[in-house]
Amino acid sequence: LDLNLPLEINGLGSTREPLRTERGMRYQYPYVEFWELAAQKGARV
């Protein structure tokens, strides 16, 4: 945000073997909570 630099949502991560976590199965990346924060703060994507 300070640098006005876009962050990439990366499609390759969604094709990789999912992770088993305490909150259930999820992508290795893109990681939901990261992007929830990015959206809340208005990051460029």
All heavy atoms as atom14 arrays in JSON, in Angstrom:
{
  "sequence": "LDLNLPLEINGLGSTREPLRTERGMRYQYPYVEFWELAAQKGARV",
  "atom14_mask": [
    [1, 1, 1, 1, 1, 1, 1, 1, 0, 0, 0, 0, 0, 0],
    [1, 1, 1, 1, 1, 1, 1, 1, 0, 0, 0, 0, 0, 0],
    [1, 1, 1, 1, 1, 1, 1, 1, 0, 0, 0, 0, 0, 0],
    [1, 1, 1, 1, 1, 1, 1, 1, 0, 0, 0, 0, 0, 0],
    [1, 1, 1, 1, 1, 1, 1, 1, 0, 0, 0, 0, 0, 0],
    [1, 1, 1, 1, 1, 1, 1, 0, 0, 0, 0, 0, 0, 0],
    [1, 1, 1, 1, 1, 1, 1, 1, 0, 0, 0, 0, 0, 0],
    [1, 1, 1, 1, 1, 1, 1, 1, 1, 0, 0, 0, 0, 0],
    [1, 1, 1, 1, 1, 1, 1, 1, 0, 0, 0, 0, 0, 0],
    [1, 1, 1, 1, 1, 1, 1, 1, 0, 0, 0, 0, 0, 0],
    [1, 1, 1, 1, 0, 0, 0, 0, 0, 0, 0, 0, 0, 0],
    [1, 1, 1, 1, 1, 1, 1, 1, 0, 0, 0, 0, 0, 0],
    [1, 1, 1, 1, 0, 0, 0, 0, 0, 0, 0, 0, 0, 0],
    [1, 1, 1, 1, 1, 1, 0, 0, 0, 0, 0, 0, 0, 0],
    [1, 1, 1, 1, 1, 1, 1, 0, 0, 0, 0, 0, 0, 0],
    [1, 1, 1, 1, 1, 1, 1, 1, 1, 1, 1, 0, 0, 0],
    [1, 1, 1, 1, 1, 1, 1, 1, 1, 0, 0, 0, 0, 0],
    [1, 1, 1, 1, 1, 1, 1, 0, 0, 0, 0, 0, 0, 0],
    [1, 1, 1, 1, 1, 1, 1, 1, 0, 0, 0, 0, 0, 0],
    [1, 1, 1, 1, 1, 1, 1, 1, 1, 1, 1, 0, 0, 0],
    [1, 1, 1, 1, 1, 1, 1, 0, 0, 0, 0, 0, 0, 0],
    [1, 1, 1, 1, 1, 1, 1, 1, 1, 0, 0, 0, 0, 0],
    [1, 1, 1, 1, 1, 1, 1, 1, 1, 1, 1, 0, 0, 0],
    [1, 1, 1, 1, 0, 0, 0, 0, 0, 0, 0, 0, 0, 0],
    [1, 1, 1, 1, 1, 1, 1, 1, 0, 0, 0, 0, 0, 0],
    [1, 1, 1, 1, 1, 1, 1, 1, 1, 1, 1, 0, 0, 0],
    [1, 1, 1, 1, 1, 1, 1, 1, 1, 1, 1, 1, 0, 0],
    [1, 1, 1, 1, 1, 1, 1, 1, 1, 0, 0, 0, 0, 0],
    [1, 1, 1, 1, 1, 1, 1, 1, 1, 1, 1, 1, 0, 0],
    [1, 1, 1, 1, 1, 1, 1, 0, 0, 0, 0, 0, 0, 0],
    [1, 1, 1, 1, 1, 1, 1, 1, 1, 1, 1, 1, 0, 0],
    [1, 1, 1, 1, 1, 1, 1, 0, 0, 0, 0, 0, 0, 0],
    [1, 1, 1, 1, 1, 1, 1, 1, 1, 0, 0, 0, 0, 0],
    [1, 1, 1, 1, 1, 1, 1, 1, 1, 1, 1, 0, 0, 0],
    [1, 1, 1, 1, 1, 1, 1, 1, 1, 1, 1, 1, 1, 1],
    [1, 1, 1, 1, 1, 1, 1, 1, 1, 0, 0, 0, 0, 0],
    [1, 1, 1, 1, 1, 1, 1, 1, 0, 0, 0, 0, 0, 0],
    [1, 1, 1, 1, 1, 0, 0, 0, 0, 0, 0, 0, 0, 0],
    [1, 1, 1, 1, 1, 0, 0, 0, 0, 0, 0, 0, 0, 0],
    [1, 1, 1, 1, 1, 1, 1, 1, 1, 0, 0, 0, 0, 0],
    [1, 1, 1, 1, 1, 1, 1, 1, 1, 0, 0, 0, 0, 0],
    [1, 1, 1, 1, 0, 0, 0, 0, 0, 0, 0, 0, 0, 0],
    [1, 1, 1, 1, 1, 0, 0, 0, 0, 0, 0, 0, 0, 0],
    [1, 1, 1, 1, 1, 1, 1, 1, 1, 1, 1, 0, 0, 0],
    [1, 1, 1, 1, 1, 1, 1, 0, 0, 0, 0, 0, 0, 0]
  ],
  "atom14_positions": [
    [[0.83, -1.2, 0.0], [0.0, 0.0, 0.0], [0.86, 1.25, 0.0], [0.6, 2.2, -0.75], [-0.93, -0.01, 1.21], [-2.07, -1.04, 1.17], [-2.71, -1.17, 2.54], [-3.1, -0.64, 0.13], [0.0, 0.0, 0.0], [0.0, 0.0, 0.0], [0.0, 0.0, 0.0], [0.0, 0.0, 0.0], [0.0, 0.0, 0.0], [0.0, 0.0, 0.0]],
    [[1.9, 1.27, 0.83], [2.78, 2.43, 0.9], [3.46, 2.69, -0.44], [3.69, 3.84, -0.82], [3.85, 2.23, 1.97], [3.28, 2.29, 3.39], [2.16, 2.8, 3.56], [3.97, 1.83, 4.32], [0.0, 0.0, 0.0], [0.0, 0.0, 0.0], [0.0, 0.0, 0.0], [0.0, 0.0, 0.0], [0.0, 0.0, 0.0], [0.0, 0.0, 0.0]],
    [[3.79, 1.62, -1.16], [4.53, 1.73, -2.41], [3.62, 1.76, -3.64], [4.11, 1.9, -4.76], [5.49, 0.55, -2.53], [6.58, 0.48, -1.46], [7.2, -0.91, -1.43], [7.64, 1.54, -1.7], [0.0, 0.0, 0.0], [0.0, 0.0, 0.0], [0.0, 0.0, 0.0], [0.0, 0.0, 0.0], [0.0, 0.0, 0.0], [0.0, 0.0, 0.0]],
    [[2.31, 1.58, -3.43], [1.35, 1.48, -4.53], [1.71, 0.34, -5.47], [1.56, 0.43, -6.69], [1.25, 2.8, -5.3], [-0.02, 2.9, -6.12], [-1.07, 2.39, -5.74], [0.07, 3.56, -7.27], [0.0, 0.0, 0.0], [0.0, 0.0, 0.0], [0.0, 0.0, 0.0], [0.0, 0.0, 0.0], [0.0, 0.0, 0.0], [0.0, 0.0, 0.0]],
    [[2.22, -0.75, -4.9], [2.69, -1.9, -5.69], [1.62, -2.99, -5.7], [1.17, -3.43, -4.64], [3.98, -2.45, -5.07], [4.67, -3.57, -5.85], [5.3, -3.0, -7.12], [5.73, -4.24, -4.98], [0.0, 0.0, 0.0], [0.0, 0.0, 0.0], [0.0, 0.0, 0.0], [0.0, 0.0, 0.0], [0.0, 0.0, 0.0], [0.0, 0.0, 0.0]],
    [[1.21, -3.46, -6.86], [0.2, -4.52, -6.91], [0.72, -5.84, -6.32], [1.9, -6.17, -6.43], [-0.09, -4.67, -8.4], [0.35, -3.38, -9.01], [1.52, -2.94, -8.2], [0.0, 0.0, 0.0], [0.0, 0.0, 0.0], [0.0, 0.0, 0.0], [0.0, 0.0, 0.0], [0.0, 0.0, 0.0], [0.0, 0.0, 0.0], [0.0, 0.0, 0.0]],
    [[-0.2, -6.57, -5.72], [0.05, -7.92, -5.22], [-0.6, -8.92, -6.16], [-1.72, -8.7, -6.63], [-0.53, -8.09, -3.81], [0.02, -7.16, -2.73], [-0.77, -7.34, -1.43], [1.5, -7.42, -2.48], [0.0, 0.0, 0.0], [0.0, 0.0, 0.0], [0.0, 0.0, 0.0], [0.0, 0.0, 0.0], [0.0, 0.0, 0.0], [0.0, 0.0, 0.0]],
    [[0.08, -10.01, -6.41], [-0.42, -11.01, -7.36], [-1.21, -12.11, -6.66], [-0.73, -12.74, -5.71], [0.75, -11.64, -8.11], [0.31, -12.73, -9.09], [1.45, -13.69, -9.42], [1.88, -14.44, -8.53], [1.89, -13.67, -10.59], [0.0, 0.0, 0.0], [0.0, 0.0, 0.0], [0.0, 0.0, 0.0], [0.0, 0.0, 0.0], [0.0, 0.0, 0.0]],
    [[-2.42, -12.37, -7.15], [-3.13, -13.61, -6.84], [-2.67, -14.62, -7.88], [-2.83, -14.42, -9.08], [-4.65, -13.42, -6.86], [-5.07, -12.44, -5.75], [-5.36, -14.76, -6.7], [-6.55, -12.15, -5.71], [0.0, 0.0, 0.0], [0.0, 0.0, 0.0], [0.0, 0.0, 0.0], [0.0, 0.0, 0.0], [0.0, 0.0, 0.0], [0.0, 0.0, 0.0]],
    [[-2.1, -15.7, -7.41], [-1.37, -16.64, -8.25], [-2.21, -17.9, -8.5], [-2.52, -18.64, -7.57], [-0.05, -16.99, -7.57], [0.85, -17.86, -8.41], [0.58, -19.04, -8.59], [1.93, -17.29, -8.9], [0.0, 0.0, 0.0], [0.0, 0.0, 0.0], [0.0, 0.0, 0.0], [0.0, 0.0, 0.0], [0.0, 0.0, 0.0], [0.0, 0.0, 0.0]],
    [[-2.55, -18.12, -9.77], [-3.41, -19.25, -10.11], [-2.76, -20.6, -9.95], [-3.45, -21.6, -9.74], [0.0, 0.0, 0.0], [0.0, 0.0, 0.0], [0.0, 0.0, 0.0], [0.0, 0.0, 0.0], [0.0, 0.0, 0.0], [0.0, 0.0, 0.0], [0.0, 0.0, 0.0], [0.0, 0.0, 0.0], [0.0, 0.0, 0.0], [0.0, 0.0, 0.0]],
    [[-1.43, -20.67, -10.04], [-0.75, -21.97, -9.92], [-0.98, -22.59, -8.55], [-1.14, -23.82, -8.44], [0.75, -21.8, -10.17], [1.61, -23.04, -10.04], [1.2, -24.11, -11.06], [3.09, -22.69, -10.19], [0.0, 0.0, 0.0], [0.0, 0.0, 0.0], [0.0, 0.0, 0.0], [0.0, 0.0, 0.0], [0.0, 0.0, 0.0], [0.0, 0.0, 0.0]],
    [[-1.01, -21.77, -7.51], [-1.15, -22.32, -6.16], [-2.43, -23.12, -5.97], [-2.45, -24.1, -5.21], [0.0, 0.0, 0.0], [0.0, 0.0, 0.0], [0.0, 0.0, 0.0], [0.0, 0.0, 0.0], [0.0, 0.0, 0.0], [0.0, 0.0, 0.0], [0.0, 0.0, 0.0], [0.0, 0.0, 0.0], [0.0, 0.0, 0.0], [0.0, 0.0, 0.0]],
    [[-3.48, -22.73, -6.69], [-4.76, -23.43, -6.53], [-4.74, -24.81, -7.17], [-5.67, -25.6, -6.97], [-5.9, -22.59, -7.1], [-5.75, -22.44, -8.51], [0.0, 0.0, 0.0], [0.0, 0.0, 0.0], [0.0, 0.0, 0.0], [0.0, 0.0, 0.0], [0.0, 0.0, 0.0], [0.0, 0.0, 0.0], [0.0, 0.0, 0.0], [0.0, 0.0, 0.0]],
    [[-3.71, -25.12, -7.96], [-3.61, -26.43, -8.6], [-2.72, -27.4, -7.82], [-2.64, -28.58, -8.17], [-3.03, -26.3, -10.02], [-1.64, -25.96, -9.96], [-3.79, -25.24, -10.81], [0.0, 0.0, 0.0], [0.0, 0.0, 0.0], [0.0, 0.0, 0.0], [0.0, 0.0, 0.0], [0.0, 0.0, 0.0], [0.0, 0.0, 0.0], [0.0, 0.0, 0.0]],
    [[-2.06, -26.9, -6.79], [-1.13, -27.74, -6.04], [-1.86, -28.5, -4.93], [-2.98, -28.15, -4.55], [0.01, -26.88, -5.48], [0.87, -26.33, -6.6], [2.12, -25.67, -6.14], [3.07, -25.53, -7.26], [4.19, -24.86, -7.21], [4.54, -24.25, -6.08], [4.99, -24.8, -8.26], [0.0, 0.0, 0.0], [0.0, 0.0, 0.0], [0.0, 0.0, 0.0]],
    [[-1.2, -29.52, -4.42], [-1.84, -30.39, -3.42], [-2.3, -29.56, -2.22], [-1.52, -28.82, -1.63], [-0.86, -31.46, -2.95], [-1.46, -32.44, -1.97], [-0.48, -33.53, -1.57], [0.65, -33.56, -2.1], [-0.85, -34.35, -0.71], [0.0, 0.0, 0.0], [0.0, 0.0, 0.0], [0.0, 0.0, 0.0], [0.0, 0.0, 0.0], [0.0, 0.0, 0.0]],
    [[-3.58, -29.65, -1.84], [-4.08, -28.85, -0.73], [-3.39, -29.22, 0.59], [-2.86, -30.32, 0.76], [-5.58, -29.19, -0.69], [-5.88, -29.77, -2.03], [-4.63, -30.46, -2.47], [0.0, 0.0, 0.0], [0.0, 0.0, 0.0], [0.0, 0.0, 0.0], [0.0, 0.0, 0.0], [0.0, 0.0, 0.0], [0.0, 0.0, 0.0], [0.0, 0.0, 0.0]],
    [[-3.44, -28.28, 1.52], [-2.89, -28.49, 2.84], [-3.99, -28.86, 3.82], [-5.1, -28.32, 3.78], [-2.22, -27.21, 3.34], [-1.03, -26.68, 2.55], [-0.59, -25.35, 3.15], [0.11, -27.68, 2.55], [0.0, 0.0, 0.0], [0.0, 0.0, 0.0], [0.0, 0.0, 0.0], [0.0, 0.0, 0.0], [0.0, 0.0, 0.0], [0.0, 0.0, 0.0]],
    [[-3.68, -29.77, 4.74], [-4.59, -30.05, 5.84], [-4.17, -29.18, 7.02], [-3.05, -29.27, 7.52], [-4.52, -31.53, 6.23], [-5.57, -31.92, 7.3], [-5.51, -33.41, 7.61], [-5.79, -34.22, 6.44], [-7.03, -34.48, 6.0], [-8.08, -33.99, 6.64], [-7.19, -35.23, 4.93], [0.0, 0.0, 0.0], [0.0, 0.0, 0.0], [0.0, 0.0, 0.0]],
    [[-5.06, -28.31, 7.47], [-4.76, -27.4, 8.57], [-5.82, -27.54, 9.65], [-6.81, -28.26, 9.5], [-4.73, -25.94, 8.07], [-6.08, -25.5, 7.82], [-3.9, -25.81, 6.81], [0.0, 0.0, 0.0], [0.0, 0.0, 0.0], [0.0, 0.0, 0.0], [0.0, 0.0, 0.0], [0.0, 0.0, 0.0], [0.0, 0.0, 0.0], [0.0, 0.0, 0.0]],
    [[-5.62, -26.81, 10.76], [-6.59, -26.85, 11.85], [-7.94, -26.31, 11.42], [-8.97, -26.64, 12.02], [-6.05, -26.04, 13.04], [-4.83, -26.68, 13.71], [-4.29, -25.82, 14.83], [-4.82, -24.71, 15.05], [-3.33, -26.27, 15.49], [0.0, 0.0, 0.0], [0.0, 0.0, 0.0], [0.0, 0.0, 0.0], [0.0, 0.0, 0.0], [0.0, 0.0, 0.0]],
    [[-7.97, -25.49, 10.37], [-9.23, -24.94, 9.87], [-9.76, -25.72, 8.68], [-10.7, -25.29, 8.02], [-9.04, -23.47, 9.48], [-8.62, -22.59, 10.65], [-8.67, -21.12, 10.28], [-8.26, -20.28, 11.39], [-8.42, -18.96, 11.43], [-9.01, -18.34, 10.44], [-8.0, -18.27, 12.46], [0.0, 0.0, 0.0], [0.0, 0.0, 0.0], [0.0, 0.0, 0.0]],
    [[-9.15, -26.87, 8.41], [-9.61, -27.71, 7.31], [-8.67, -27.68, 6.12], [-7.58, -27.12, 6.18], [0.0, 0.0, 0.0], [0.0, 0.0, 0.0], [0.0, 0.0, 0.0], [0.0, 0.0, 0.0], [0.0, 0.0, 0.0], [0.0, 0.0, 0.0], [0.0, 0.0, 0.0], [0.0, 0.0, 0.0], [0.0, 0.0, 0.0], [0.0, 0.0, 0.0]],
    [[-9.1, -28.28, 5.03], [-8.3, -28.32, 3.82], [-8.33, -26.96, 3.12], [-9.37, -26.3, 3.07], [-8.83, -29.4, 2.88], [-8.81, -30.8, 3.45], [-7.14, -31.4, 3.83], [-6.46, -31.56, 2.18], [0.0, 0.0, 0.0], [0.0, 0.0, 0.0], [0.0, 0.0, 0.0], [0.0, 0.0, 0.0], [0.0, 0.0, 0.0], [0.0, 0.0, 0.0]],
    [[-7.18, -26.56, 2.59], [-7.1, -25.27, 1.94], [-5.96, -25.25, 0.93], [-5.09, -26.11, 0.96], [-6.91, -24.15, 2.95], [-5.69, -24.32, 3.84], [-5.51, -23.13, 4.77], [-6.67, -22.93, 5.62], [-7.22, -21.74, 5.85], [-6.72, -20.66, 5.28], [-8.25, -21.61, 6.64], [0.0, 0.0, 0.0], [0.0, 0.0, 0.0], [0.0, 0.0, 0.0]],
    [[-6.0, -24.26, 0.04], [-4.91, -24.08, -0.89], [-3.62, -23.79, -0.13], [-3.63, -23.13, 0.92], [-5.16, -22.89, -1.82], [-6.31, -23.02, -2.79], [-7.07, -21.91, -3.14], [-6.62, -24.23, -3.39], [-8.12, -22.0, -4.04], [-7.66, -24.34, -4.3], [-8.42, -23.22, -4.62], [-9.44, -23.31, -5.51], [0.0, 0.0, 0.0], [0.0, 0.0, 0.0]],
    [[-2.49, -24.23, -0.7], [-1.2, -23.76, -0.2], [-1.14, -22.23, -0.34], [-0.7, -21.51, 0.55], [-0.06, -24.41, -0.97], [0.04, -25.92, -0.78], [1.26, -26.48, -1.49], [2.29, -25.84, -1.57], [1.14, -27.7, -2.0], [0.0, 0.0, 0.0], [0.0, 0.0, 0.0], [0.0, 0.0, 0.0], [0.0, 0.0, 0.0], [0.0, 0.0, 0.0]],
    [[-1.55, -21.75, -1.47], [-1.75, -20.35, -1.8], [-2.56, -20.33, -3.09], [-2.51, -21.33, -3.82], [-0.39, -19.6, -1.97], [0.48, -20.15, -3.07], [0.52, -19.56, -4.34], [1.28, -21.29, -2.87], [1.31, -20.08, -5.36], [2.07, -21.8, -3.89], [2.08, -21.19, -5.12], [2.86, -21.71, -6.13], [0.0, 0.0, 0.0], [0.0, 0.0, 0.0]],
    [[-3.39, -19.36, -3.33], [-3.66, -18.19, -2.5], [-4.36, -18.58, -1.19], [-5.19, -19.49, -1.17], [-4.56, -17.33, -3.38], [-5.18, -18.28, -4.36], [-4.18, -19.36, -4.59], [0.0, 0.0, 0.0], [0.0, 0.0, 0.0], [0.0, 0.0, 0.0], [0.0, 0.0, 0.0], [0.0, 0.0, 0.0], [0.0, 0.0, 0.0], [0.0, 0.0, 0.0]],
    [[-3.98, -17.87, -0.13], [-4.41, -18.19, 1.22], [-5.5, -17.2, 1.64], [-5.29, -15.99, 1.63], [-3.21, -18.11, 2.17], [-3.35, -18.9, 3.44], [-2.9, -20.21, 3.53], [-3.95, -18.34, 4.56], [-3.01, -20.94, 4.7], [-4.08, -19.06, 5.74], [-3.61, -20.36, 5.8], [-3.74, -21.09, 6.97], [0.0, 0.0, 0.0], [0.0, 0.0, 0.0]],
    [[-6.67, -17.73, 2.0], [-7.87, -16.91, 2.16], [-7.65, -15.74, 3.11], [-7.98, -14.58, 2.79], [-9.05, -17.78, 2.62], [-10.21, -16.92, 3.09], [-9.51, -18.7, 1.49], [0.0, 0.0, 0.0], [0.0, 0.0, 0.0], [0.0, 0.0, 0.0], [0.0, 0.0, 0.0], [0.0, 0.0, 0.0], [0.0, 0.0, 0.0], [0.0, 0.0, 0.0]],
    [[-7.12, -16.01, 4.3], [-7.01, -14.94, 5.3], [-6.08, -13.81, 4.84], [-6.32, -12.64, 5.16], [-6.55, -15.5, 6.64], [-7.63, -16.26, 7.4], [-7.78, -17.71, 6.93], [-7.11, -18.1, 5.95], [-8.56, -18.46, 7.55], [0.0, 0.0, 0.0], [0.0, 0.0, 0.0], [0.0, 0.0, 0.0], [0.0, 0.0, 0.0], [0.0, 0.0, 0.0]],
    [[-5.05, -14.16, 4.11], [-4.17, -13.12, 3.57], [-4.97, -12.17, 2.69], [-4.85, -10.94, 2.81], [-3.03, -13.76, 2.76], [-2.07, -12.77, 2.16], [-0.87, -12.49, 2.77], [-2.38, -12.11, 0.97], [0.02, -11.57, 2.22], [-1.5, -11.19, 0.41], [-0.3, -10.91, 1.05], [0.0, 0.0, 0.0], [0.0, 0.0, 0.0], [0.0, 0.0, 0.0]],
    [[-5.78, -12.75, 1.81], [-6.5, -11.92, 0.84], [-7.69, -11.22, 1.47], [-8.12, -10.15, 0.98], [-6.86, -12.74, -0.37], [-5.61, -13.13, -1.09], [-5.0, -14.36, -1.1], [-4.74, -12.27, -1.83], [-3.83, -14.31, -1.8], [-3.64, -13.05, -2.26], [-4.8, -10.92, -2.18], [-2.6, -12.51, -3.02], [-3.77, -10.38, -2.94], [-2.69, -11.17, -3.35]],
    [[-8.22, -11.76, 2.55], [-9.22, -11.01, 3.31], [-8.63, -9.72, 3.85], [-9.25, -8.64, 3.76], [-9.76, -11.87, 4.45], [-10.71, -12.98, 4.01], [-11.16, -13.85, 5.16], [-10.49, -13.86, 6.22], [-12.19, -14.55, 5.01], [0.0, 0.0, 0.0], [0.0, 0.0, 0.0], [0.0, 0.0, 0.0], [0.0, 0.0, 0.0], [0.0, 0.0, 0.0]],
    [[-7.41, -9.81, 4.4], [-6.74, -8.61, 4.9], [-6.43, -7.64, 3.77], [-6.63, -6.43, 3.9], [-5.44, -8.99, 5.61], [-5.55, -9.65, 6.98], [-4.15, -10.04, 7.48], [-6.21, -8.7, 7.98], [0.0, 0.0, 0.0], [0.0, 0.0, 0.0], [0.0, 0.0, 0.0], [0.0, 0.0, 0.0], [0.0, 0.0, 0.0], [0.0, 0.0, 0.0]],
    [[-5.94, -8.17, 2.64], [-5.61, -7.31, 1.51], [-6.84, -6.57, 1.0], [-6.77, -5.38, 0.64], [-4.98, -8.14, 0.4], [0.0, 0.0, 0.0], [0.0, 0.0, 0.0], [0.0, 0.0, 0.0], [0.0, 0.0, 0.0], [0.0, 0.0, 0.0], [0.0, 0.0, 0.0], [0.0, 0.0, 0.0], [0.0, 0.0, 0.0], [0.0, 0.0, 0.0]],
    [[-7.98, -7.26, 0.98], [-9.22, -6.62, 0.52], [-9.68, -5.56, 1.51], [-10.12, -4.47, 1.11], [-10.3, -7.68, 0.34], [0.0, 0.0, 0.0], [0.0, 0.0, 0.0], [0.0, 0.0, 0.0], [0.0, 0.0, 0.0], [0.0, 0.0, 0.0], [0.0, 0.0, 0.0], [0.0, 0.0, 0.0], [0.0, 0.0, 0.0], [0.0, 0.0, 0.0]],
    [[-9.59, -5.86, 2.8], [-10.01, -4.9, 3.81], [-9.2, -3.61, 3.73], [-9.71, -2.51, 3.96], [-9.85, -5.51, 5.2], [-10.85, -6.6, 5.52], [-10.47, -7.4, 6.77], [-9.6, -6.98, 7.55], [-11.12, -8.53, 6.96], [0.0, 0.0, 0.0], [0.0, 0.0, 0.0], [0.0, 0.0, 0.0], [0.0, 0.0, 0.0], [0.0, 0.0, 0.0]],
    [[-7.93, -3.75, 3.36], [-7.04, -2.59, 3.33], [-7.02, -1.91, 1.96], [-6.41, -0.84, 1.81], [-5.63, -3.01, 3.74], [-5.49, -3.24, 5.24], [-4.09, -3.6, 5.63], [-3.87, -3.41, 7.12], [-3.66, -1.99, 7.47], [0.0, 0.0, 0.0], [0.0, 0.0, 0.0], [0.0, 0.0, 0.0], [0.0, 0.0, 0.0], [0.0, 0.0, 0.0]],
    [[-7.65, -2.5, 0.97], [-7.73, -1.87, -0.34], [-6.49, -2.02, -1.19], [-6.14, -1.13, -1.97], [0.0, 0.0, 0.0], [0.0, 0.0, 0.0], [0.0, 0.0, 0.0], [0.0, 0.0, 0.0], [0.0, 0.0, 0.0], [0.0, 0.0, 0.0], [0.0, 0.0, 0.0], [0.0, 0.0, 0.0], [0.0, 0.0, 0.0], [0.0, 0.0, 0.0]],
    [[-5.82, -3.16, -1.09], [-4.62, -3.4, -1.88], [-4.96, -3.52, -3.36], [-6.05, -3.97, -3.74], [-3.92, -4.67, -1.4], [0.0, 0.0, 0.0], [0.0, 0.0, 0.0], [0.0, 0.0, 0.0], [0.0, 0.0, 0.0], [0.0, 0.0, 0.0], [0.0, 0.0, 0.0], [0.0, 0.0, 0.0], [0.0, 0.0, 0.0], [0.0, 0.0, 0.0]],
    [[-4.02, -3.1, -4.19], [-4.15, -3.3, -5.64], [-3.73, -4.73, -5.97], [-2.77, -5.27, -5.4], [-3.27, -2.32, -6.4], [-3.61, -0.86, -6.12], [-2.57, 0.05, -6.76], [-2.71, 0.08, -8.21], [-1.71, 0.27, -9.05], [-0.46, 0.37, -8.61], [-1.92, 0.32, -10.36], [0.0, 0.0, 0.0], [0.0, 0.0, 0.0], [0.0, 0.0, 0.0]],
    [[-4.45, -5.34, -6.92], [-4.27, -6.76, -7.21], [-4.13, -6.98, -8.7], [-4.83, -6.35, -9.5], [-5.46, -7.58, -6.64], [-5.53, -8.96, -7.27], [-5.34, -7.7, -5.13], [0.0, 0.0, 0.0], [0.0, 0.0, 0.0], [0.0, 0.0, 0.0], [0.0, 0.0, 0.0], [0.0, 0.0, 0.0], [0.0, 0.0, 0.0], [0.0, 0.0, 0.0]]
  ]
}
